[in-house]
N, C-alpha and C. Protein backbone atom coordinates (compact mmCIF):
# COMPACT_ATOMS: atom_id res chain seq x y z
N MET A 1 17.36 -10.09 17.27
CA MET A 1 16.94 -10.26 15.84
C MET A 1 16.77 -9.71 15.16
N ALA A 2 17.21 -9.89 13.66
CA ALA A 2 17.30 -8.97 12.84
C ALA A 2 16.02 -9.33 12.10
N ILE A 3 15.69 -8.35 11.34
CA ILE A 3 14.17 -8.38 10.36
C ILE A 3 14.63 -8.01 8.86
N ARG A 4 14.30 -8.90 8.25
CA ARG A 4 14.81 -8.55 6.79
C ARG A 4 13.27 -7.93 5.85
N VAL A 5 13.50 -6.89 5.30
CA VAL A 5 12.35 -6.09 4.92
C VAL A 5 12.22 -6.48 3.66
N PRO A 6 11.54 -7.31 2.67
CA PRO A 6 11.61 -7.63 1.17
C PRO A 6 10.71 -6.62 0.70
N ARG A 7 10.97 -6.70 -0.34
CA ARG A 7 10.29 -5.20 -1.24
C ARG A 7 8.73 -4.97 -0.91
N ILE A 8 8.29 -5.76 -0.83
CA ILE A 8 6.71 -5.81 -0.54
C ILE A 8 6.54 -6.72 0.22
N MET A 9 6.03 -6.35 1.56
CA MET A 9 5.36 -7.06 2.45
C MET A 9 4.33 -6.51 3.18
N LYS A 10 3.21 -7.68 3.63
CA LYS A 10 2.09 -7.87 4.16
C LYS A 10 2.28 -7.88 5.59
N LYS A 11 1.27 -6.97 6.31
CA LYS A 11 2.18 -6.82 7.61
C LYS A 11 0.60 -7.05 8.17
N SER A 12 0.41 -7.86 9.12
CA SER A 12 -1.25 -8.37 10.07
C SER A 12 -1.31 -7.02 11.23
N SER A 13 0.22 -6.67 11.82
CA SER A 13 -0.21 -6.38 13.21
C SER A 13 -0.13 -4.38 12.63
N LEU A 14 -0.75 -4.09 13.20
CA LEU A 14 -1.12 -2.66 13.37
C LEU A 14 -0.06 -1.61 13.47
N SER A 15 0.84 -1.69 14.21
CA SER A 15 2.00 -0.68 14.65
C SER A 15 2.51 0.09 13.66
N LEU A 16 2.78 0.98 13.94
CA LEU A 16 2.91 2.05 13.06
C LEU A 16 4.59 2.06 12.51
N ASP A 17 5.30 1.33 12.88
CA ASP A 17 6.65 0.87 13.10
C ASP A 17 7.09 0.84 11.18
N VAL A 18 7.33 1.66 10.34
CA VAL A 18 7.74 1.67 9.11
C VAL A 18 8.94 1.83 9.05
N PRO A 19 9.56 0.83 8.37
CA PRO A 19 11.00 1.12 8.20
C PRO A 19 11.39 2.49 7.30
N LYS A 20 12.49 3.10 7.44
CA LYS A 20 12.72 4.43 6.34
C LYS A 20 12.83 4.00 5.23
N GLY A 21 12.62 5.26 4.21
CA GLY A 21 12.16 4.49 2.80
C GLY A 21 11.06 3.98 2.54
N TYR A 22 9.98 3.30 3.15
CA TYR A 22 9.06 2.69 3.34
C TYR A 22 7.30 3.60 3.65
N PHE A 23 6.44 3.27 3.32
CA PHE A 23 4.97 3.53 3.42
C PHE A 23 4.19 2.61 3.15
N PHE A 24 3.01 2.85 4.51
CA PHE A 24 2.15 1.55 4.75
C PHE A 24 1.07 2.30 3.54
N VAL A 25 -0.08 1.07 3.03
CA VAL A 25 -1.06 0.99 2.42
C VAL A 25 -2.02 0.20 2.79
N TYR A 26 -3.47 0.48 2.62
CA TYR A 26 -4.47 -0.60 2.47
C TYR A 26 -4.90 -1.09 1.72
N VAL A 27 -5.35 -2.24 1.25
CA VAL A 27 -5.55 -2.83 0.06
C VAL A 27 -6.58 -3.78 0.32
N GLY A 28 -7.30 -3.54 -0.78
CA GLY A 28 -9.08 -4.64 -1.21
C GLY A 28 -10.20 -3.90 -0.63
N GLY A 29 -10.97 -4.70 -0.64
CA GLY A 29 -12.51 -4.06 -0.16
C GLY A 29 -12.93 -4.26 0.96
N LYS A 30 -13.59 -5.09 1.52
CA LYS A 30 -14.46 -5.12 3.00
C LYS A 30 -13.43 -5.59 3.75
N GLN A 31 -12.27 -6.25 3.49
CA GLN A 31 -11.26 -7.34 4.06
C GLN A 31 -10.15 -6.57 3.91
N LYS A 32 -9.40 -5.25 4.28
CA LYS A 32 -8.35 -4.72 3.90
C LYS A 32 -6.87 -5.32 4.47
N LYS A 33 -5.94 -5.11 3.86
CA LYS A 33 -4.72 -5.91 4.22
C LYS A 33 -4.16 -4.37 4.13
N ARG A 34 -2.96 -4.80 5.40
CA ARG A 34 -1.89 -3.20 5.61
C ARG A 34 -0.44 -4.13 4.39
N PHE A 35 -0.14 -3.31 3.88
CA PHE A 35 1.26 -3.46 2.85
C PHE A 35 2.07 -2.30 3.20
N ILE A 36 3.35 -2.58 3.47
CA ILE A 36 4.31 -1.74 3.64
C ILE A 36 5.59 -1.99 2.34
N ILE A 37 4.94 -0.61 1.85
CA ILE A 37 6.01 -0.75 -0.09
C ILE A 37 7.16 0.79 0.03
N PRO A 38 7.71 0.14 -0.66
CA PRO A 38 8.94 1.10 -0.68
C PRO A 38 8.82 3.13 -1.39
N VAL A 39 9.48 3.71 -0.86
CA VAL A 39 8.98 5.13 -1.40
C VAL A 39 8.87 5.09 -3.03
N SER A 40 9.92 4.20 -3.44
CA SER A 40 10.65 4.46 -4.43
C SER A 40 9.09 4.12 -5.43
N PHE A 41 8.23 3.44 -5.14
CA PHE A 41 6.94 2.84 -6.33
C PHE A 41 6.38 4.25 -6.81
N LEU A 42 6.89 5.14 -5.82
CA LEU A 42 5.82 6.32 -6.19
C LEU A 42 6.15 6.95 -7.65
N SER A 43 6.98 6.44 -7.31
CA SER A 43 8.03 7.18 -9.44
C SER A 43 7.90 6.20 -10.58
N GLN A 44 6.59 5.20 -10.16
CA GLN A 44 6.33 3.87 -11.12
C GLN A 44 5.08 4.25 -11.95
N PRO A 45 4.91 4.26 -13.15
CA PRO A 45 3.77 4.79 -13.43
C PRO A 45 2.89 4.04 -13.43
N ALA A 46 2.64 2.49 -13.44
CA ALA A 46 1.91 1.87 -12.96
C ALA A 46 1.26 2.08 -11.66
N PHE A 47 1.72 2.47 -10.46
CA PHE A 47 1.82 2.60 -9.09
C PHE A 47 1.13 4.48 -9.32
N GLN A 48 1.52 5.28 -9.90
CA GLN A 48 0.57 6.51 -10.22
C GLN A 48 -0.64 6.30 -10.87
N ASP A 49 -0.85 5.47 -11.68
CA ASP A 49 -2.19 5.19 -12.49
C ASP A 49 -3.10 5.00 -11.30
N LEU A 50 -2.87 4.04 -10.55
CA LEU A 50 -3.38 3.06 -9.47
C LEU A 50 -3.71 4.56 -8.37
N LEU A 51 -2.64 5.24 -8.06
CA LEU A 51 -2.87 6.31 -7.06
C LEU A 51 -3.94 7.16 -7.67
N CYS A 52 -3.67 7.86 -8.73
CA CYS A 52 -5.17 8.33 -9.68
C CYS A 52 -6.74 7.94 -9.08
N GLN A 53 -6.61 6.36 -9.36
CA GLN A 53 -7.80 5.57 -9.59
C GLN A 53 -8.06 5.81 -8.00
N VAL A 54 -7.35 5.71 -6.87
CA VAL A 54 -7.53 5.98 -5.80
C VAL A 54 -8.60 7.38 -5.54
N GLU A 55 -7.35 8.34 -5.75
CA GLU A 55 -8.03 9.56 -5.74
C GLU A 55 -9.35 9.45 -6.46
N GLU A 56 -10.03 9.15 -7.54
CA GLU A 56 -11.48 9.45 -8.01
C GLU A 56 -12.31 8.66 -7.14
N GLU A 57 -11.92 7.68 -6.76
CA GLU A 57 -12.87 7.17 -5.95
C GLU A 57 -12.89 7.67 -4.56
N PHE A 58 -11.74 7.74 -3.45
CA PHE A 58 -11.85 8.80 -2.06
C PHE A 58 -11.25 9.74 -1.91
N GLY A 59 -11.04 10.41 -3.02
CA GLY A 59 -10.50 11.84 -3.00
C GLY A 59 -9.09 11.73 -1.84
N PHE A 60 -9.03 12.77 -0.75
CA PHE A 60 -7.78 12.64 0.00
C PHE A 60 -8.59 12.25 1.29
N ASP A 61 -10.01 11.95 1.40
CA ASP A 61 -10.06 11.18 2.60
C ASP A 61 -10.21 9.70 2.94
N TYR A 62 -9.01 9.47 3.42
CA TYR A 62 -8.82 7.91 3.93
C TYR A 62 -9.36 7.55 5.28
N PRO A 63 -10.33 6.63 4.84
CA PRO A 63 -10.99 6.45 6.73
C PRO A 63 -10.14 5.95 7.32
N MET A 64 -8.68 5.07 6.98
CA MET A 64 -8.39 4.44 8.09
C MET A 64 -6.85 4.93 8.41
N SER A 65 -6.43 6.83 8.66
CA SER A 65 -5.46 6.94 8.43
C SER A 65 -4.11 6.39 7.51
N GLY A 66 -4.41 5.83 6.43
CA GLY A 66 -3.19 5.48 5.45
C GLY A 66 -4.14 5.54 3.97
N VAL A 67 -3.31 5.24 2.67
CA VAL A 67 -3.51 5.48 1.68
C VAL A 67 -4.50 3.91 1.47
N THR A 68 -5.71 4.02 0.91
CA THR A 68 -6.70 2.91 1.04
C THR A 68 -6.59 2.31 -0.76
N ILE A 69 -6.44 1.25 -0.90
CA ILE A 69 -6.28 0.96 -2.64
C ILE A 69 -7.16 0.06 -2.43
N PRO A 70 -9.09 0.58 -3.52
CA PRO A 70 -9.47 -0.59 -3.48
C PRO A 70 -9.18 -1.40 -4.66
N CYS A 71 -8.42 -2.08 -4.59
CA CYS A 71 -8.67 -2.87 -5.46
C CYS A 71 -8.20 -4.37 -4.91
N SER A 72 -8.29 -5.24 -5.47
CA SER A 72 -8.18 -6.98 -5.04
C SER A 72 -6.77 -7.14 -4.55
N GLU A 73 -6.45 -7.84 -3.26
CA GLU A 73 -5.13 -8.15 -3.26
C GLU A 73 -4.04 -8.89 -4.46
N ASP A 74 -4.69 -9.71 -4.96
CA ASP A 74 -3.99 -10.27 -6.40
C ASP A 74 -3.24 -8.90 -7.17
N ILE A 75 -4.41 -8.20 -7.83
CA ILE A 75 -4.40 -7.15 -8.82
C ILE A 75 -3.21 -6.40 -8.15
N PHE A 76 -3.11 -5.70 -6.94
CA PHE A 76 -1.88 -4.98 -6.31
C PHE A 76 -0.66 -5.60 -6.50
N ILE A 77 -0.65 -6.28 -6.03
CA ILE A 77 0.53 -7.44 -6.08
C ILE A 77 1.39 -7.56 -7.71
N GLY A 78 0.33 -7.71 -8.35
CA GLY A 78 0.78 -7.80 -9.98
C GLY A 78 1.13 -6.20 -10.49
N ILE A 79 0.72 -5.21 -9.89
CA ILE A 79 1.06 -3.93 -9.96
C ILE A 79 1.90 -3.60 -9.57
N THR A 80 2.24 -3.78 -8.18
CA THR A 80 3.81 -3.49 -7.89
C THR A 80 4.91 -5.12 -7.83
N SER A 81 4.39 -6.05 -8.73
CA SER A 81 5.79 -6.98 -9.04
C SER A 81 6.88 -6.47 -9.76
């Protein structure tokens, strides 16, 4: 069975299977959702600004063992679209 990986995808399972060239982030407030996103996003200015805000709020201590982005899912999808 082939799995087509879209540009950004929401992952409901907690498995750590992430395709090569992608990484996962948690997005949201209390109810966090896990997204798998391409590593290429790291070079995008809007995504870098978002990561700077994450650093200000969380530092480098990520409670869920992954980068947590404290914004709504809609805002995150808007930035990464």
